[in-house]
C-alpha cells in the first residue's frame, strides 16, 4: 500500500514544488491541506481546506482528526514555523514528520541563533552596521525600533547564491551544489542556474553546517558577496528551496529523497551533468464547471499548428481518453486525414473521424448535447454554439481544460 503524505500548507512555493516532485511517484499519495485557500486547491487532487493555523489552540485537535480520517502516514511541513509546531506535537499525532529535528528547525528559523551558532565556523555578516542617508535618519530609525526586533548587519552588495543540500538519516551530506540567484521576485529566485563560483568554499561550508546543525533531508543555505568580493552566510533553512526544481531536473529530487529517507530507506544521488537554466513566472490553473462526454476536435491550425502537433491539445486529449470520453476528429482537411495523422503518429487518438469535403456545417455532425467543440475558426465555433448550445474552445483556451 502506498504511503499517504499530507503536505501542509500545500499552496506555498515549497508545497507546489513538493507536488511537482512527487506527483508521478508510485510509492506515495499526496494530500494537500491549507488554512487559507490558495493555489494548492487547484493543484492537489485530494485537498483539505480550513485547517486551523498552526499557532491556533484548535490546531492539534483538527490535524489529529485529519491524520486519522485520511489515513496519513507522514506530514510534510512546508514552512519553518509549521515544522517546529508539528515536531512538538508529533507524539500526540502518532505520525511521522518529514524533515529535520525540532532543534535544527528552530535554529534555522532564527538568523540570530544561526549566526551565533555558526560564526566560529564560517563567515557571517558582521553586526551593528546600517546603510542610512544621514545620521539623523539613523537615530530616528533606532529610536523607533526595539533592538530585540532586528539585526543590524553588514551591507552585502554582491552576487547571491543558494546552495541546495541533502543529508541522510545517518548524518552524511549526500549532495550539495550552488546555483546563482540571478533574478529575484518576492524573495524567490525566478531565474537560476548552476554556479561554480566559490565551489570549494561552499562545499566546505556545507560540511561544516551539516556537522553543527545536523539537518536531515533537504536543506539549503544562502550566501552573498561582501564589498570585498568574499561570500558571507545569509541564512540556513531546514527545508528544500522553492527553486530547487533546477536540480530536480538534473536528477536530484529533494522532496522524494527526503520522504524515502524519512521512512528509513537508503537512497542514492546520481545527478546529470548537462547545462540547464530555470526561469519562473506565474502559471495559470483553472477549475471549470462543465460536464461533457464527447470531444469534437479540428485538425488544421488546431491539432496541427504550423506543421507541428499541438502538444497542449494532445495532452488534453489523452486526459479525456483517461476519463473515458469519446474523441471525434471533425475536419475539412484538404488531404486524406488518416495519412496526415499517421505522419505525425496521431492516428490512434480518435474513436471516430469525420471528413467534410462539400462545405457541410460541422454543427450538423454534433449529435450529443454533452459535448465540447474545439476549433481555431471563430465562425465554426459561433455556428456550433448557436445551433447546439455547447461550450466551444479555441486552441488558446485549452489550458482551462487541463487538470
Protein backbone atom coordinates (compact mmCIF):
# COMPACT_ATOMS: atom_id res chain seq x y z
CA UNK A 1 0.00 0.00 0.00
CA UNK A 2 1.27 3.47 -0.88
CA UNK A 3 2.25 5.81 1.94
CA UNK A 4 -0.09 8.77 2.27
CA UNK A 5 1.71 12.10 2.71
CA UNK A 6 -0.06 15.23 3.97
CA UNK A 7 1.57 18.40 2.60
CA UNK A 8 0.80 21.42 4.81
CA UNK A 9 0.40 24.19 3.88
CA UNK A 10 0.25 22.91 0.33
CA UNK A 11 -0.12 26.14 -1.65
CA UNK A 12 3.23 27.70 -0.75
CA UNK A 13 6.04 27.63 -3.30
CA UNK A 14 7.53 24.74 -1.32
CA UNK A 15 4.22 22.87 -1.32
CA UNK A 16 3.90 23.30 -5.07
CA UNK A 17 7.47 22.07 -5.61
CA UNK A 18 6.72 19.01 -3.46
CA UNK A 19 3.74 18.28 -5.71
CA UNK A 20 5.84 18.66 -8.86
CA UNK A 21 8.45 16.37 -7.32
CA UNK A 22 6.18 13.57 -6.13
CA UNK A 23 3.03 13.53 -8.25
CA UNK A 24 4.32 10.76 -10.52
CA UNK A 25 5.70 8.55 -7.74
CA UNK A 26 4.13 5.11 -7.49
CA UNK A 27 5.16 4.83 -3.84
CA UNK A 28 3.32 7.79 -2.30
CA UNK A 29 -0.06 9.50 -2.43
CA UNK A 30 -0.19 13.26 -1.84
CA UNK A 31 -2.90 15.02 0.11
CA UNK A 32 -2.78 18.81 0.24
CA UNK A 33 -4.09 20.91 3.12
CA UNK A 34 -4.13 24.63 3.87
CA UNK A 35 -5.51 27.10 6.37
CA UNK A 36 -6.38 29.59 3.62
CA UNK A 37 -7.47 28.54 0.14
CA UNK A 38 -4.79 29.33 -2.41
CA UNK A 39 -3.20 27.76 -5.48
CA UNK A 40 -2.85 24.42 -3.70
CA UNK A 41 -6.52 23.59 -4.21
CA UNK A 42 -6.02 23.82 -7.98
CA UNK A 43 -3.00 21.51 -7.90
CA UNK A 44 -3.66 18.80 -5.30
CA UNK A 45 -6.26 16.29 -6.47
CA UNK A 46 -7.04 15.41 -2.84
CA UNK A 47 -7.33 18.66 -0.90
CA UNK A 48 -8.41 19.55 2.66
CA UNK A 49 -9.40 23.19 3.33
CA UNK A 50 -9.88 25.19 6.53
CA UNK A 51 -7.11 23.69 8.66
CA UNK A 52 -6.55 25.98 11.67
CA UNK A 53 -3.33 27.99 11.66
CA UNK A 54 -0.52 26.10 13.37
CA UNK A 55 -0.47 28.53 16.33
CA UNK A 56 -4.24 28.23 16.96
CA UNK A 57 -5.48 26.35 20.01
CA UNK A 58 -7.61 24.07 17.83
CA UNK A 59 -4.76 23.06 15.53
CA UNK A 60 -3.75 19.88 17.38
CA UNK A 61 -7.32 18.57 17.57
CA UNK A 62 -8.05 19.20 13.90
CA UNK A 63 -4.76 17.93 12.50
CA UNK A 64 -5.11 14.77 14.62
CA UNK A 65 -8.57 14.25 13.11
CA UNK A 66 -7.13 14.66 9.63
CA UNK A 67 -4.39 12.11 10.33
CA UNK A 68 -6.98 9.52 11.36
CA UNK A 69 -9.68 10.33 8.82
CA UNK A 70 -7.37 10.45 5.82
CA UNK A 71 -5.04 7.64 6.97
CA UNK A 72 -1.99 9.89 6.92
CA UNK A 73 1.39 8.16 7.28
CA UNK A 74 3.53 11.31 7.37
CA UNK A 75 3.19 15.09 7.30
CA UNK A 76 5.48 17.15 5.08
CA UNK A 77 5.57 20.71 6.50
CA UNK A 78 6.45 23.46 4.04
CA UNK A 79 7.15 26.31 6.47
CA UNK A 80 9.73 26.51 9.26
CA UNK A 81 7.26 27.58 11.96
CA UNK A 82 4.79 24.86 10.96
CA UNK A 83 7.56 22.26 11.06
CA UNK A 84 8.54 23.35 14.56
CA UNK A 85 4.93 23.11 15.77
CA UNK A 86 4.42 19.68 14.21
CA UNK A 87 7.62 18.31 15.73
CA UNK A 88 6.45 19.47 19.15
CA UNK A 89 3.14 17.60 18.83
CA UNK A 90 4.41 14.58 16.88
CA UNK A 91 3.93 12.21 19.83
CA UNK A 92 0.28 13.25 20.13
CA UNK A 93 -0.27 12.76 16.41
CA UNK A 94 1.42 9.35 16.26
CA UNK A 95 2.59 10.45 12.84
CA UNK A 96 5.94 10.86 11.12
CA UNK A 97 7.09 14.44 10.48
CA UNK A 98 9.33 14.71 7.43
CA UNK A 99 12.43 16.87 7.72
CA UNK A 100 14.99 17.98 10.27
CA UNK A 101 14.60 17.82 14.04
CA UNK A 102 12.71 20.41 16.07
CA UNK A 103 16.03 21.80 17.37
CA UNK A 104 17.54 22.21 13.89
CA UNK A 105 14.34 23.75 12.57
CA UNK A 106 14.17 26.24 15.45
CA UNK A 107 17.79 27.33 14.97
CA UNK A 108 17.30 27.83 11.24
CA UNK A 109 14.13 29.86 11.84
CA UNK A 110 16.20 32.49 13.70
CA UNK A 111 19.02 34.32 11.93
CA UNK A 112 20.30 35.50 15.30
CA UNK A 113 20.54 31.91 16.57
CA UNK A 114 22.01 30.70 13.27
CA UNK A 115 24.75 33.33 13.26
CA UNK A 116 25.53 32.74 16.93
CA UNK A 117 25.97 29.02 16.33
CA UNK A 118 27.95 29.25 13.09
CA UNK A 119 30.06 32.40 13.36
CA UNK A 120 33.04 30.46 14.74
CA UNK A 121 32.95 28.11 11.74
CA UNK A 122 32.33 30.27 8.64
CA UNK A 123 31.99 33.92 7.60
CA UNK A 124 28.77 35.57 8.74
CA UNK A 125 27.85 39.25 8.25
CA UNK A 126 29.27 41.47 10.96
CA UNK A 127 26.80 43.34 13.11
CA UNK A 128 25.99 46.92 14.08
CA UNK A 129 26.17 48.44 10.60
CA UNK A 130 23.22 50.07 8.81
CA UNK A 131 23.03 51.89 5.48
CA UNK A 132 21.24 55.22 6.05
CA UNK A 133 21.01 58.56 4.26
CA UNK A 134 22.04 60.63 7.27
CA UNK A 135 22.92 60.47 10.95
CA UNK A 136 19.56 61.95 11.84
CA UNK A 137 17.73 59.26 9.87
CA UNK A 138 19.71 56.54 11.62
CA UNK A 139 18.91 57.94 15.08
CA UNK A 140 15.22 58.19 14.30
CA UNK A 141 15.15 54.63 12.97
CA UNK A 142 16.94 53.22 16.01
CA UNK A 143 14.77 55.10 18.49
CA UNK A 144 11.60 53.78 16.91
CA UNK A 145 12.70 50.16 16.56
CA UNK A 146 13.24 47.93 19.62
CA UNK A 147 16.63 46.27 19.44
CA UNK A 148 15.09 42.84 20.04
CA UNK A 149 13.13 43.05 16.76
CA UNK A 150 16.00 43.38 14.33
CA UNK A 151 19.54 42.53 13.39
CA UNK A 152 21.70 45.36 12.07
CA UNK A 153 24.19 43.66 9.78
CA UNK A 154 26.84 44.39 7.21
CA UNK A 155 25.59 45.50 3.79
CA UNK A 156 26.36 42.84 1.18
CA UNK A 157 26.29 44.34 -2.34
CA UNK A 158 27.49 41.44 -4.48
CA UNK A 159 26.20 38.31 -6.18
CA UNK A 160 23.98 35.85 -4.34
CA UNK A 161 23.73 32.05 -4.33
CA UNK A 162 21.61 29.28 -2.93
CA UNK A 163 23.42 26.05 -2.10
CA UNK A 164 20.94 23.15 -2.14
CA UNK A 165 21.90 20.22 0.07
CA UNK A 166 20.69 16.80 1.15
CA UNK A 167 21.71 14.93 4.31
CA UNK A 168 20.58 11.39 5.06
CA UNK A 169 19.38 9.83 8.31
CA UNK A 170 22.94 8.72 9.12
CA UNK A 171 24.14 12.33 9.17
CA UNK A 172 26.04 12.10 5.88
CA UNK A 173 25.95 15.02 3.48
CA UNK A 174 24.98 13.30 0.23
CA UNK A 175 24.65 16.27 -2.10
CA UNK A 176 25.50 19.97 -2.27
CA UNK A 177 25.53 22.30 -5.25
CA UNK A 178 25.29 26.04 -5.74
CA UNK A 179 23.01 27.95 -8.08
CA UNK A 180 23.04 31.65 -8.79
CA UNK A 181 20.08 33.78 -7.71
CA UNK A 182 20.16 35.76 -10.93
CA UNK A 183 16.73 37.37 -10.72
CA UNK A 184 14.68 37.57 -7.53
CA UNK A 185 10.98 38.35 -7.06
CA UNK A 186 9.33 38.44 -3.63
CA UNK A 187 12.33 36.65 -2.16
CA UNK A 188 12.10 33.80 -4.67
CA UNK A 189 14.81 33.10 -7.21
CA UNK A 190 12.91 33.26 -10.50
CA UNK A 191 15.99 32.83 -12.67
CA UNK A 192 18.68 30.44 -11.56
CA UNK A 193 21.31 28.10 -12.97
CA UNK A 194 24.16 26.02 -11.52
CA UNK A 195 27.19 28.00 -10.44
CA UNK A 196 30.81 27.01 -9.86
CA UNK A 197 31.67 30.23 -8.02
CA UNK A 198 33.42 29.55 -4.69
CA UNK A 199 32.65 25.85 -5.21
CA UNK A 200 35.36 24.57 -2.85
CA UNK A 201 34.42 27.11 -0.19
CA UNK A 202 30.70 26.36 -0.40
CA UNK A 203 31.39 22.63 -0.26
CA UNK A 204 33.36 23.18 2.95
CA UNK A 205 30.57 25.33 4.39
CA UNK A 206 28.04 22.62 3.60
CA UNK A 207 30.09 20.05 5.51
CA UNK A 208 30.50 22.40 8.49
CA UNK A 209 26.80 23.29 8.63
CA UNK A 210 25.90 19.62 8.32
CA UNK A 211 28.21 18.79 11.23
CA UNK A 212 26.98 21.58 13.52
CA UNK A 213 23.25 21.79 12.71
CA UNK A 214 22.68 18.11 11.85
CA UNK A 215 19.92 18.69 9.28
CA UNK A 216 18.06 15.76 7.77
CA UNK A 217 16.62 15.53 4.30
CA UNK A 218 16.59 18.55 2.02
CA UNK A 219 18.03 21.84 3.27
CA UNK A 220 19.85 24.84 1.86
CA UNK A 221 21.92 27.86 2.75
CA UNK A 222 22.32 31.18 1.01
CA UNK A 223 25.43 33.30 0.57
CA UNK A 224 26.13 36.77 -0.79
CA UNK A 225 29.31 38.65 -1.68
CA UNK A 226 30.51 41.43 0.58
CA UNK A 227 32.10 44.69 -0.61
CA UNK A 228 35.46 42.90 -0.88
CA UNK A 229 34.11 40.16 -3.14
CA UNK A 230 34.06 37.41 -0.49
CA UNK A 231 30.94 35.35 0.29
CA UNK A 232 29.15 35.68 3.61
CA UNK A 233 26.42 33.47 5.01
CA UNK A 234 22.91 34.89 4.70
CA UNK A 235 20.79 32.10 6.16
CA UNK A 236 20.30 28.37 6.57
CA UNK A 237 16.89 26.74 6.05
CA UNK A 238 15.89 23.24 7.15
CA UNK A 239 13.72 22.60 4.10
CA UNK A 240 14.02 22.39 0.33
CA UNK A 241 14.35 25.59 -1.68
CA UNK A 242 11.49 26.86 -3.81
CA UNK A 243 13.63 26.84 -6.96
CA UNK A 244 15.44 23.59 -6.16
CA UNK A 245 13.46 22.17 -9.08
CA UNK A 246 16.53 23.18 -11.10
CA UNK A 247 18.44 20.26 -9.58
CA UNK A 248 15.34 18.03 -9.65
CA UNK A 249 15.50 18.35 -13.43
CA UNK A 250 19.13 17.23 -13.24
CA UNK A 251 18.09 14.09 -11.33
CA UNK A 252 18.20 15.24 -7.68
CA UNK A 253 14.61 15.08 -6.42
CA UNK A 254 14.95 16.62 -2.95
CA UNK A 255 11.35 16.04 -1.86
CA UNK A 256 11.28 12.40 -2.91
CA UNK A 257 14.72 11.75 -1.39
CA UNK A 258 13.57 13.35 1.87
CA UNK A 259 10.46 11.18 2.09
CA UNK A 260 12.30 7.95 1.32
CA UNK A 261 14.93 8.86 3.92
CA UNK A 262 12.22 9.66 6.48
CA UNK A 263 10.86 6.14 6.04
CA UNK A 264 14.35 4.71 6.70
CA UNK A 265 15.05 3.81 3.07
CA UNK A 266 18.60 4.02 1.72
CA UNK A 267 18.99 6.44 -1.16
CA UNK A 268 21.43 7.21 -3.95
CA UNK A 269 22.06 10.56 -5.59
CA UNK A 270 23.16 10.41 -9.23
CA UNK A 271 22.83 13.84 -10.91
CA UNK A 272 23.14 14.52 -14.61
CA UNK A 273 25.80 16.96 -15.78
CA UNK A 274 24.19 18.87 -18.66
CA UNK A 275 23.81 22.64 -18.65
CA UNK A 276 20.39 23.88 -17.53
CA UNK A 277 18.69 27.13 -16.57
CA UNK A 278 15.40 27.65 -14.71
CA UNK A 279 13.20 30.69 -15.29
CA UNK A 280 9.92 31.06 -13.44
CA UNK A 281 6.71 33.04 -13.92
CA UNK A 282 3.13 32.86 -12.71
CA UNK A 283 1.28 29.80 -14.01
CA UNK A 284 -2.46 29.56 -14.72
CA UNK A 285 -4.62 26.74 -13.35
CA UNK A 286 -8.39 26.55 -13.71
CA UNK A 287 -11.46 24.89 -12.25
CA UNK A 288 -14.10 24.83 -14.98
CA UNK A 289 -17.72 23.85 -14.31
CA UNK A 290 -18.77 21.87 -17.39
CA UNK A 291 -19.84 18.25 -17.79
CA UNK A 292 -19.20 16.52 -21.10
CA UNK A 293 -18.71 13.04 -22.51
CA UNK A 294 -17.80 13.81 -26.13
CA UNK A 295 -14.96 15.92 -27.56
CA UNK A 296 -15.00 17.16 -31.17
CA UNK A 297 -11.61 18.37 -32.43
CA UNK A 298 -10.49 20.14 -35.62
CA UNK A 299 -7.23 19.20 -37.36
CA UNK A 300 -5.74 22.11 -39.34
CA UNK A 301 -4.38 25.03 -37.27
CA UNK A 302 -5.77 23.31 -34.18
CA UNK A 303 -4.37 19.82 -33.61
CA UNK A 304 -1.61 20.69 -36.07
CA UNK A 305 -0.23 24.23 -35.84
CA UNK A 306 2.46 25.48 -38.24
CA UNK A 307 3.16 21.93 -39.33
CA UNK A 308 3.70 20.62 -35.80
CA UNK A 309 1.49 18.77 -33.31
CA UNK A 310 -0.19 20.96 -30.69
CA UNK A 311 1.22 19.22 -27.63
CA UNK A 312 -1.06 21.07 -25.21
CA UNK A 313 -4.16 19.88 -27.08
CA UNK A 314 -2.73 16.37 -27.32
CA UNK A 315 -2.21 16.40 -23.54
CA UNK A 316 -5.86 17.31 -23.09
CA UNK A 317 -6.99 14.57 -25.49
CA UNK A 318 -5.05 11.96 -23.53
CA UNK A 319 -6.55 13.34 -20.31
CA UNK A 320 -10.02 12.96 -21.84
CA UNK A 321 -9.24 9.42 -23.02
CA UNK A 322 -8.18 8.55 -19.48
CA UNK A 323 -11.54 9.83 -18.24
CA UNK A 324 -13.43 7.62 -20.68
CA UNK A 325 -14.63 10.37 -23.01
CA UNK A 326 -15.25 9.82 -26.73
CA UNK A 327 -12.93 11.73 -29.08
CA UNK A 328 -14.04 12.66 -32.61
CA UNK A 329 -11.95 14.32 -35.31
CA UNK A 330 -14.15 16.74 -37.28
CA UNK A 331 -12.12 18.24 -40.12
CA UNK A 332 -12.18 19.85 -43.57
CA UNK A 333 -8.58 18.73 -44.22
CA UNK A 334 -7.60 19.11 -47.89
CA UNK A 335 -5.90 15.69 -47.97
CA UNK A 336 -6.58 12.28 -46.50
CA UNK A 337 -6.73 12.84 -42.71
CA UNK A 338 -5.51 9.31 -41.94
CA UNK A 339 -2.35 9.83 -43.97
CA UNK A 340 -1.64 13.12 -42.22
CA UNK A 341 -2.37 11.70 -38.77
CA UNK A 342 -0.09 8.71 -39.39
CA UNK A 343 2.71 11.04 -40.44
CA UNK A 344 2.55 12.69 -37.02
CA UNK A 345 1.77 9.40 -35.16
CA UNK A 346 -1.65 10.69 -34.09
CA UNK A 347 -3.94 8.21 -35.86
CA UNK A 348 -4.92 6.25 -32.73
CA UNK A 349 -6.19 9.25 -30.75
CA UNK A 350 -9.73 9.18 -32.13
CA UNK A 351 -12.79 7.00 -31.71
CA UNK A 352 -14.25 8.49 -34.91
CA UNK A 353 -13.00 10.57 -37.82
CA UNK A 354 -15.44 12.72 -39.81
CA UNK A 355 -14.03 14.22 -43.00
CA UNK A 356 -16.10 17.06 -44.52
CA UNK A 357 -15.45 17.74 -48.23
CA UNK A 358 -18.55 19.50 -49.52
CA UNK A 359 -18.92 22.57 -47.30
CA UNK A 360 -21.20 20.92 -44.75
CA UNK A 361 -21.78 22.60 -41.40
CA UNK A 362 -19.77 20.98 -38.63
CA UNK A 363 -22.71 21.60 -36.31
CA UNK A 364 -24.75 19.05 -38.32
CA UNK A 365 -22.43 16.27 -37.12
CA UNK A 366 -22.57 17.04 -33.40
CA UNK A 367 -25.48 14.98 -32.13
CA UNK A 368 -24.87 14.78 -28.40
CA UNK A 369 -25.57 17.76 -26.13
CA UNK A 370 -22.97 16.51 -23.63
CA UNK A 371 -20.14 17.64 -25.90
CA UNK A 372 -17.47 20.27 -26.33
CA UNK A 373 -16.12 21.58 -29.63
CA UNK A 374 -12.50 22.64 -30.27
CA UNK A 375 -11.69 24.61 -33.42
CA UNK A 376 -9.47 27.55 -34.37
CA UNK A 377 -12.17 29.08 -36.60
CA UNK A 378 -14.41 31.66 -34.91
CA UNK A 379 -17.17 31.19 -37.48
CA UNK A 380 -17.19 27.43 -36.89
CA UNK A 381 -17.31 27.92 -33.12
CA UNK A 382 -20.06 30.53 -33.45
CA UNK A 383 -22.20 28.25 -35.60
CA UNK A 384 -21.79 25.30 -33.22
CA UNK A 385 -22.53 27.47 -30.17
CA UNK A 386 -25.66 28.95 -31.76
CA UNK A 387 -27.08 25.72 -33.16
CA UNK A 388 -26.01 23.21 -30.49
CA UNK A 389 -25.64 25.35 -27.38
CA UNK A 390 -22.48 23.58 -26.24
CA UNK A 391 -19.18 25.05 -24.97
CA UNK A 392 -16.69 25.84 -27.73
CA UNK A 393 -12.94 26.31 -27.34
CA UNK A 394 -10.20 27.93 -29.41
CA UNK A 395 -6.69 26.43 -29.13
CA UNK A 396 -5.63 29.22 -26.74
CA UNK A 397 -8.39 28.15 -24.32
CA UNK A 398 -7.27 24.52 -23.93
CA UNK A 399 -5.27 25.33 -20.80
CA UNK A 400 -8.60 25.80 -18.97
CA UNK A 401 -9.46 22.14 -19.63
CA UNK A 402 -6.21 20.71 -18.26
CA UNK A 403 -6.15 19.41 -14.71
